[in-house]
Amino acid sequence: MTMAMLTSKGQITIPADVRRDLKVDTGDRVEFIQIAPGRYEFVAATQNVTQLKGMFGKPAKKVSIDDMNKAVAQRGAAAR
């Protein structure tokens, strides 16, 4: 089991073997994802959002920005 200690400033040093396994380096981002009350998953957030392109296939129809804004306004008005 790999452990780390929390400093008085709320910082931790990620052990080298964990950094290697997650393929993270200085300046990389990581995320803390709550998976249950009091339990978090620590994951590397090193992928660029452009890598998600095409993940879900082509949309059935194109939607304009104006249509999106109208839909948001309608949902917002309905929520009040």
PDB file of N, CA and C in Angstrom:
ATOM      1  N   MET A   1       0.856  -1.175   0.000  1.00  0.00           N
ATOM      2  CA  MET A   1       0.000   0.000   0.000  1.00  0.00           C
ATOM      3  C   MET A   1       0.901   1.237   0.000  1.00  0.00           C
ATOM      4  N   THR A   2       0.598   2.176  -0.874  1.00  0.00           N
ATOM      5  CA  THR A   2       1.343   3.421  -0.960  1.00  0.00           C
ATOM      6  C   THR A   2       0.616   4.489  -0.159  1.00  0.00           C
ATOM      7  N   MET A   3       1.368   5.252   0.625  1.00  0.00           N
ATOM      8  CA  MET A   3       0.764   6.280   1.468  1.00  0.00           C
ATOM      9  C   MET A   3       1.438   7.625   1.236  1.00  0.00           C
ATOM     10  N   ALA A   4       0.725   8.697   1.604  1.00  0.00           N
ATOM     11  CA  ALA A   4       1.274  10.046   1.548  1.00  0.00           C
ATOM     12  C   ALA A   4       0.773  10.785   2.782  1.00  0.00           C
ATOM     13  N   MET A   5       1.473  11.845   3.168  1.00  0.00           N
ATOM     14  CA  MET A   5       1.095  12.612   4.348  1.00  0.00           C
ATOM     15  C   MET A   5       0.604  13.998   3.918  1.00  0.00           C
ATOM     16  N   LEU A   6      -0.454  14.458   4.552  1.00  0.00           N
ATOM     17  CA  LEU A   6      -1.022  15.772   4.292  1.00  0.00           C
ATOM     18  C   LEU A   6      -0.254  16.806   5.100  1.00  0.00           C
ATOM     19  N   THR A   7       0.174  17.900   4.440  1.00  0.00           N
ATOM     20  CA  THR A   7       0.894  18.963   5.155  1.00  0.00           C
ATOM     21  C   THR A   7      -0.091  19.926   5.806  1.00  0.00           C
ATOM     22  N   SER A   8       0.424  20.833   6.608  1.00  0.00           N
ATOM     23  CA  SER A   8      -0.423  21.832   7.262  1.00  0.00           C
ATOM     24  C   SER A   8      -1.068  22.773   6.250  1.00  0.00           C
ATOM     25  N   LYS A   9      -0.524  22.844   5.044  1.00  0.00           N
ATOM     26  CA  LYS A   9      -1.084  23.683   3.976  1.00  0.00           C
ATOM     27  C   LYS A   9      -2.097  22.927   3.126  1.00  0.00           C
ATOM     28  N   GLY A  10      -2.400  21.670   3.483  1.00  0.00           N
ATOM     29  CA  GLY A  10      -3.367  20.873   2.725  1.00  0.00           C
ATOM     30  C   GLY A  10      -2.785  20.255   1.469  1.00  0.00           C
ATOM     31  N   GLN A  11      -1.468  20.116   1.410  1.00  0.00           N
ATOM     32  CA  GLN A  11      -0.823  19.557   0.230  1.00  0.00           C
ATOM     33  C   GLN A  11      -0.324  18.148   0.506  1.00  0.00           C
ATOM     34  N   ILE A  12      -0.247  17.357  -0.569  1.00  0.00           N
ATOM     35  CA  ILE A  12       0.366  16.037  -0.469  1.00  0.00           C
ATOM     36  C   ILE A  12       1.363  15.884  -1.599  1.00  0.00           C
ATOM     37  N   THR A  13       2.341  15.029  -1.384  1.00  0.00           N
ATOM     38  CA  THR A  13       3.267  14.661  -2.440  1.00  0.00           C
ATOM     39  C   THR A  13       2.816  13.301  -2.950  1.00  0.00           C
ATOM     40  N   ILE A  14       2.537  13.221  -4.240  1.00  0.00           N
ATOM     41  CA  ILE A  14       2.102  11.958  -4.824  1.00  0.00           C
ATOM     42  C   ILE A  14       3.343  11.081  -4.978  1.00  0.00           C
ATOM     43  N   PRO A  15       3.337   9.901  -4.389  1.00  0.00           N
ATOM     44  CA  PRO A  15       4.510   9.029  -4.474  1.00  0.00           C
ATOM     45  C   PRO A  15       4.907   8.734  -5.926  1.00  0.00           C
ATOM     46  N   ALA A  16       6.195   8.554  -6.144  1.00  0.00           N
ATOM     47  CA  ALA A  16       6.744   8.370  -7.490  1.00  0.00           C
ATOM     48  C   ALA A  16       6.106   7.195  -8.224  1.00  0.00           C
ATOM     49  N   ASP A  17       5.870   6.080  -7.537  1.00  0.00           N
ATOM     50  CA  ASP A  17       5.297   4.931  -8.230  1.00  0.00           C
ATOM     51  C   ASP A  17       3.866   5.207  -8.701  1.00  0.00           C
ATOM     52  N   VAL A  18       3.122   6.017  -7.948  1.00  0.00           N
ATOM     53  CA  VAL A  18       1.762   6.393  -8.342  1.00  0.00           C
ATOM     54  C   VAL A  18       1.818   7.344  -9.538  1.00  0.00           C
ATOM     55  N   ARG A  19       2.737   8.322  -9.502  1.00  0.00           N
ATOM     56  CA  ARG A  19       2.896   9.252 -10.635  1.00  0.00           C
ATOM     57  C   ARG A  19       3.251   8.501 -11.905  1.00  0.00           C
ATOM     58  N   ARG A  20       4.146   7.520 -11.795  1.00  0.00           N
ATOM     59  CA  ARG A  20       4.534   6.721 -12.968  1.00  0.00           C
ATOM     60  C   ARG A  20       3.339   5.940 -13.503  1.00  0.00           C
ATOM     61  N   ASP A  21       2.590   5.321 -12.619  1.00  0.00           N
ATOM     62  CA  ASP A  21       1.443   4.511 -13.024  1.00  0.00           C
ATOM     63  C   ASP A  21       0.367   5.365 -13.698  1.00  0.00           C
ATOM     64  N   LEU A  22       0.137   6.577 -13.167  1.00  0.00           N
ATOM     65  CA  LEU A  22      -0.867   7.487 -13.747  1.00  0.00           C
ATOM     66  C   LEU A  22      -0.331   8.278 -14.934  1.00  0.00           C
ATOM     67  N   LYS A  23       0.975   8.175 -15.160  1.00  0.00           N
ATOM     68  CA  LYS A  23       1.643   8.930 -16.236  1.00  0.00           C
ATOM     69  C   LYS A  23       1.417  10.435 -16.086  1.00  0.00           C
ATOM     70  N   VAL A  24       1.600  10.946 -14.863  1.00  0.00           N
ATOM     71  CA  VAL A  24       1.484  12.380 -14.613  1.00  0.00           C
ATOM     72  C   VAL A  24       2.849  12.933 -14.258  1.00  0.00           C
ATOM     73  N   ASP A  25       3.027  14.208 -14.588  1.00  0.00           N
ATOM     74  CA  ASP A  25       4.291  14.884 -14.330  1.00  0.00           C
ATOM     75  C   ASP A  25       3.997  16.296 -13.856  1.00  0.00           C
ATOM     76  N   THR A  26       5.014  17.035 -13.547  1.00  0.00           N
ATOM     77  CA  THR A  26       4.883  18.401 -13.068  1.00  0.00           C
ATOM     78  C   THR A  26       3.976  19.217 -13.984  1.00  0.00           C
ATOM     79  N   GLY A  27       2.991  19.875 -13.411  1.00  0.00           N
ATOM     80  CA  GLY A  27       2.076  20.723 -14.177  1.00  0.00           C
ATOM     81  C   GLY A  27       0.847  20.004 -14.702  1.00  0.00           C
ATOM     82  N   ASP A  28       0.818  18.678 -14.655  1.00  0.00           N
ATOM     83  CA  ASP A  28      -0.363  17.945 -15.114  1.00  0.00           C
ATOM     84  C   ASP A  28      -1.510  18.114 -14.121  1.00  0.00           C
ATOM     85  N   ARG A  29      -2.716  17.975 -14.614  1.00  0.00           N
ATOM     86  CA  ARG A  29      -3.904  18.090 -13.766  1.00  0.00           C
ATOM     87  C   ARG A  29      -4.379  16.707 -13.336  1.00  0.00           C
ATOM     88  N   VAL A  30      -4.956  16.677 -12.146  1.00  0.00           N
ATOM     89  CA  VAL A  30      -5.582  15.458 -11.638  1.00  0.00           C
ATOM     90  C   VAL A  30      -6.968  15.828 -11.125  1.00  0.00           C
ATOM     91  N   GLU A  31      -7.846  14.847 -11.068  1.00  0.00           N
ATOM     92  CA  GLU A  31      -9.208  15.084 -10.589  1.00  0.00           C
ATOM     93  C   GLU A  31      -9.489  14.187  -9.398  1.00  0.00           C
ATOM     94  N   PHE A  32     -10.303  14.690  -8.484  1.00  0.00           N
ATOM     95  CA  PHE A  32     -10.789  13.913  -7.358  1.00  0.00           C
ATOM     96  C   PHE A  32     -12.281  13.718  -7.598  1.00  0.00           C
ATOM     97  N   ILE A  33     -12.700  12.496  -7.863  1.00  0.00           N
ATOM     98  CA  ILE A  33     -14.082  12.197  -8.203  1.00  0.00           C
ATOM     99  C   ILE A  33     -14.718  11.459  -7.036  1.00  0.00           C
ATOM    100  N   GLN A  34     -15.806  12.046  -6.493  1.00  0.00           N
ATOM    101  CA  GLN A  34     -16.480  11.401  -5.371  1.00  0.00           C
ATOM    102  C   GLN A  34     -17.255  10.194  -5.881  1.00  0.00           C
ATOM    103  N   ILE A  35     -16.933   9.028  -5.351  1.00  0.00           N
ATOM    104  CA  ILE A  35     -17.615   7.805  -5.774  1.00  0.00           C
ATOM    105  C   ILE A  35     -18.576   7.298  -4.706  1.00  0.00           C
ATOM    106  N   ALA A  36     -18.467   7.823  -3.501  1.00  0.00           N
ATOM    107  CA  ALA A  36     -19.364   7.503  -2.389  1.00  0.00           C
ATOM    108  C   ALA A  36     -19.085   8.525  -1.302  1.00  0.00           C
ATOM    109  N   PRO A  37     -19.997   8.734  -0.364  1.00  0.00           N
ATOM    110  CA  PRO A  37     -19.719   9.676   0.725  1.00  0.00           C
ATOM    111  C   PRO A  37     -18.421   9.303   1.453  1.00  0.00           C
ATOM    112  N   GLY A  38     -17.504  10.260   1.503  1.00  0.00           N
ATOM    113  CA  GLY A  38     -16.235  10.029   2.173  1.00  0.00           C
ATOM    114  C   GLY A  38     -15.234   9.202   1.386  1.00  0.00           C
ATOM    115  N   ARG A  39     -15.537   8.934   0.107  1.00  0.00           N
ATOM    116  CA  ARG A  39     -14.638   8.109  -0.712  1.00  0.00           C
ATOM    117  C   ARG A  39     -14.456   8.775  -2.080  1.00  0.00           C
ATOM    118  N   TYR A  40     -13.204   8.968  -2.469  1.00  0.00           N
ATOM    119  CA  TYR A  40     -12.880   9.637  -3.727  1.00  0.00           C
ATOM    120  C   TYR A  40     -11.952   8.785  -4.565  1.00  0.00           C
ATOM    121  N   GLU A  41     -12.051   8.990  -5.871  1.00  0.00           N
ATOM    122  CA  GLU A  41     -11.131   8.355  -6.796  1.00  0.00           C
ATOM    123  C   GLU A  41     -10.227   9.455  -7.333  1.00  0.00           C
ATOM    124  N   PHE A  42      -8.960   9.186  -7.414  1.00  0.00           N
ATOM    125  CA  PHE A  42      -7.945  10.132  -7.860  1.00  0.00           C
ATOM    126  C   PHE A  42      -7.517   9.705  -9.258  1.00  0.00           C
ATOM    127  N   VAL A  43      -7.761  10.541 -10.269  1.00  0.00           N
ATOM    128  CA  VAL A  43      -7.442  10.161 -11.646  1.00  0.00           C
ATOM    129  C   VAL A  43      -6.685  11.271 -12.359  1.00  0.00           C
ATOM    130  N   ALA A  44      -5.862  10.889 -13.309  1.00  0.00           N
ATOM    131  CA  ALA A  44      -5.135  11.851 -14.127  1.00  0.00           C
ATOM    132  C   ALA A  44      -6.103  12.494 -15.107  1.00  0.00           C
ATOM    133  N   ALA A  45      -5.994  13.791 -15.279  1.00  0.00           N
ATOM    134  CA  ALA A  45      -6.835  14.526 -16.233  1.00  0.00           C
ATOM    135  C   ALA A  45      -5.926  15.100 -17.313  1.00  0.00           C
ATOM    136  N   THR A  46      -5.181  14.230 -17.944  1.00  0.00           N
ATOM    137  CA  THR A  46      -4.165  14.687 -18.892  1.00  0.00           C
ATOM    138  C   THR A  46      -4.616  14.661 -20.338  1.00  0.00           C
ATOM    139  N   GLN A  47      -5.777  14.077 -20.621  1.00  0.00           N
ATOM    140  CA  GLN A  47      -6.241  14.024 -22.007  1.00  0.00           C
ATOM    141  C   GLN A  47      -6.864  15.346 -22.424  1.00  0.00           C
ATOM    142  N   ASN A  48      -6.628  15.711 -23.669  1.00  0.00           N
ATOM    143  CA  ASN A  48      -7.194  16.916 -24.239  1.00  0.00           C
ATOM    144  C   ASN A  48      -8.630  16.620 -24.678  1.00  0.00           C
ATOM    145  N   VAL A  49      -9.512  17.576 -24.515  1.00  0.00           N
ATOM    146  CA  VAL A  49     -10.925  17.384 -24.863  1.00  0.00           C
ATOM    147  C   VAL A  49     -11.111  17.054 -26.345  1.00  0.00           C
ATOM    148  N   THR A  50     -10.196  17.476 -27.187  1.00  0.00           N
ATOM    149  CA  THR A  50     -10.325  17.178 -28.621  1.00  0.00           C
ATOM    150  C   THR A  50     -10.193  15.682 -28.902  1.00  0.00           C
ATOM    151  N   GLN A  51      -9.632  14.917 -27.975  1.00  0.00           N
ATOM    152  CA  GLN A  51      -9.520  13.475 -28.162  1.00  0.00           C
ATOM    153  C   GLN A  51     -10.889  12.792 -28.074  1.00  0.00           C
ATOM    154  N   LEU A  52     -11.897  13.500 -27.569  1.00  0.00           N
ATOM    155  CA  LEU A  52     -13.241  12.939 -27.461  1.00  0.00           C
ATOM    156  C   LEU A  52     -14.023  13.036 -28.768  1.00  0.00           C
ATOM    157  N   LYS A  53     -13.511  13.810 -29.725  1.00  0.00           N
ATOM    158  CA  LYS A  53     -14.216  14.021 -30.987  1.00  0.00           C
ATOM    159  C   LYS A  53     -14.512  12.689 -31.670  1.00  0.00           C
ATOM    160  N   GLY A  54     -15.767  12.524 -32.068  1.00  0.00           N
ATOM    161  CA  GLY A  54     -16.186  11.331 -32.771  1.00  0.00           C
ATOM    162  C   GLY A  54     -16.558  10.166 -31.867  1.00  0.00           C
ATOM    163  N   MET A  55     -16.467  10.343 -30.579  1.00  0.00           N
ATOM    164  CA  MET A  55     -16.739   9.257 -29.645  1.00  0.00           C
ATOM    165  C   MET A  55     -18.176   8.750 -29.747  1.00  0.00           C
ATOM    166  N   PHE A  56     -19.109   9.640 -30.043  1.00  0.00           N
ATOM    167  CA  PHE A  56     -20.519   9.269 -30.076  1.00  0.00           C
ATOM    168  C   PHE A  56     -21.096   9.232 -31.478  1.00  0.00           C
ATOM    169  N   GLY A  57     -20.279   9.322 -32.495  1.00  0.00           N
ATOM    170  CA  GLY A  57     -20.767   9.311 -33.865  1.00  0.00           C
ATOM    171  C   GLY A  57     -21.321  10.669 -34.272  1.00  0.00           C
ATOM    172  N   LYS A  58     -21.852  10.719 -35.465  1.00  0.00           N
ATOM    173  CA  LYS A  58     -22.403  11.976 -35.982  1.00  0.00           C
ATOM    174  C   LYS A  58     -23.796  12.211 -35.398  1.00  0.00           C
ATOM    175  N   PRO A  59     -24.131  13.477 -35.111  1.00  0.00           N
ATOM    176  CA  PRO A  59     -25.470  13.768 -34.593  1.00  0.00           C
ATOM    177  C   PRO A  59     -26.534  13.547 -35.662  1.00  0.00           C
ATOM    178  N   ALA A  60     -27.757  13.232 -35.230  1.00  0.00           N
ATOM    179  CA  ALA A  60     -28.866  12.997 -36.160  1.00  0.00           C
ATOM    180  C   ALA A  60     -29.181  14.269 -36.939  1.00  0.00           C
ATOM    181  N   LYS A  61     -29.108  15.412 -36.270  1.00  0.00           N
ATOM    182  CA  LYS A  61     -29.315  16.682 -36.969  1.00  0.00           C
ATOM    183  C   LYS A  61     -28.456  17.749 -36.322  1.00  0.00           C
ATOM    184  N   LYS A  62     -28.097  18.742 -37.099  1.00  0.00           N
ATOM    185  CA  LYS A  62     -27.298  19.843 -36.579  1.00  0.00           C
ATOM    186  C   LYS A  62     -28.206  20.821 -35.849  1.00  0.00           C
ATOM    187  N   VAL A  63     -27.683  21.404 -34.786  1.00  0.00           N
ATOM    188  CA  VAL A  63     -28.428  22.380 -33.990  1.00  0.00           C
ATOM    189  C   VAL A  63     -27.615  23.665 -33.961  1.00  0.00           C
ATOM    190  N   SER A  64     -28.263  24.778 -34.257  1.00  0.00           N
ATOM    191  CA  SER A  64     -27.558  26.059 -34.267  1.00  0.00           C
ATOM    192  C   SER A  64     -27.399  26.583 -32.838  1.00  0.00           C
ATOM    193  N   ILE A  65     -26.505  27.512 -32.674  1.00  0.00           N
ATOM    194  CA  ILE A  65     -26.302  28.163 -31.372  1.00  0.00           C
ATOM    195  C   ILE A  65     -27.589  28.857 -30.934  1.00  0.00           C
ATOM    196  N   ASP A  66     -28.282  29.507 -31.869  1.00  0.00           N
ATOM    197  CA  ASP A  66     -29.549  30.172 -31.528  1.00  0.00           C
ATOM    198  C   ASP A  66     -30.568  29.170 -30.989  1.00  0.00           C
ATOM    199  N   ASP A  67     -30.674  27.997 -31.639  1.00  0.00           N
ATOM    200  CA  ASP A  67     -31.589  26.962 -31.165  1.00  0.00           C
ATOM    201  C   ASP A  67     -31.204  26.478 -29.770  1.00  0.00           C
ATOM    202  N   MET A  68     -29.893  26.335 -29.538  1.00  0.00           N
ATOM    203  CA  MET A  68     -29.430  25.917 -28.204  1.00  0.00           C
ATOM    204  C   MET A  68     -29.790  26.962 -27.149  1.00  0.00           C
ATOM    205  N   ASN A  69     -29.562  28.226 -27.480  1.00  0.00           N
ATOM    206  CA  ASN A  69     -29.877  29.307 -26.531  1.00  0.00           C
ATOM    207  C   ASN A  69     -31.378  29.363 -26.232  1.00  0.00           C
ATOM    208  N   LYS A  70     -32.207  29.152 -27.258  1.00  0.00           N
ATOM    209  CA  LYS A  70     -33.656  29.141 -27.045  1.00  0.00           C
ATOM    210  C   LYS A  70     -34.062  27.989 -26.128  1.00  0.00           C
ATOM    211  N   ALA A  71     -33.492  26.828 -26.350  1.00  0.00           N
ATOM    212  CA  ALA A  71     -33.806  25.664 -25.520  1.00  0.00           C
ATOM    213  C   ALA A  71     -33.396  25.894 -24.075  1.00  0.00           C
ATOM    214  N   VAL A  72     -32.238  26.505 -23.855  1.00  0.00           N
ATOM    215  CA  VAL A  72     -31.786  26.803 -22.490  1.00  0.00           C
ATOM    216  C   VAL A  72     -32.726  27.807 -21.834  1.00  0.00           C
ATOM    217  N   ALA A  73     -33.121  28.839 -22.580  1.00  0.00           N
ATOM    218  CA  ALA A  73     -34.026  29.853 -22.029  1.00  0.00           C
ATOM    219  C   ALA A  73     -35.388  29.228 -21.677  1.00  0.00           C
ATOM    220  N   GLN A  74     -35.880  28.363 -22.539  1.00  0.00           N
ATOM    221  CA  GLN A  74     -37.172  27.718 -22.271  1.00  0.00           C
ATOM    222  C   GLN A  74     -37.098  26.828 -21.035  1.00  0.00           C
ATOM    223  N   ARG A  75     -36.042  26.054 -20.915  1.00  0.00           N
ATOM    224  CA  ARG A  75     -35.887  25.183 -19.745  1.00  0.00           C
ATOM    225  C   ARG A  75     -35.733  26.011 -18.482  1.00  0.00           C
ATOM    226  N   GLY A  76     -35.004  27.104 -18.582  1.00  0.00           N
ATOM    227  CA  GLY A  76     -34.808  27.985 -17.429  1.00  0.00           C
ATOM    228  C   GLY A  76     -36.123  28.609 -16.985  1.00  0.00           C
ATOM    229  N   ALA A  77     -36.950  29.038 -17.953  1.00  0.00           N
ATOM    230  CA  ALA A  77     -38.230  29.643 -17.630  1.00  0.00           C
ATOM    231  C   ALA A  77     -39.178  28.604 -17.035  1.00  0.00           C
ATOM    232  N   ALA A  78     -39.118  27.387 -17.519  1.00  0.00           N
ATOM    233  CA  ALA A  78     -39.995  26.327 -17.016  1.00  0.00           C
ATOM    234  C   ALA A  78     -39.608  25.898 -15.591  1.00  0.00           C
ATOM    235  N   ALA A  79     -38.353  26.097 -15.222  1.00  0.00           N
ATOM    236  CA  ALA A  79     -37.882  25.671 -13.904  1.00  0.00           C
ATOM    237  C   ALA A  79     -38.285  26.637 -12.793  1.00  0.00           C
ATOM    238  N   ARG A  80     -38.751  27.802 -13.155  1.00  0.00           N
ATOM    239  CA  ARG A  80     -39.092  28.807 -12.126  1.00  0.00           C
ATOM    240  C   ARG A  80     -40.425  28.584 -11.520  1.00  0.00           C
TER     241      ARG A  80
END
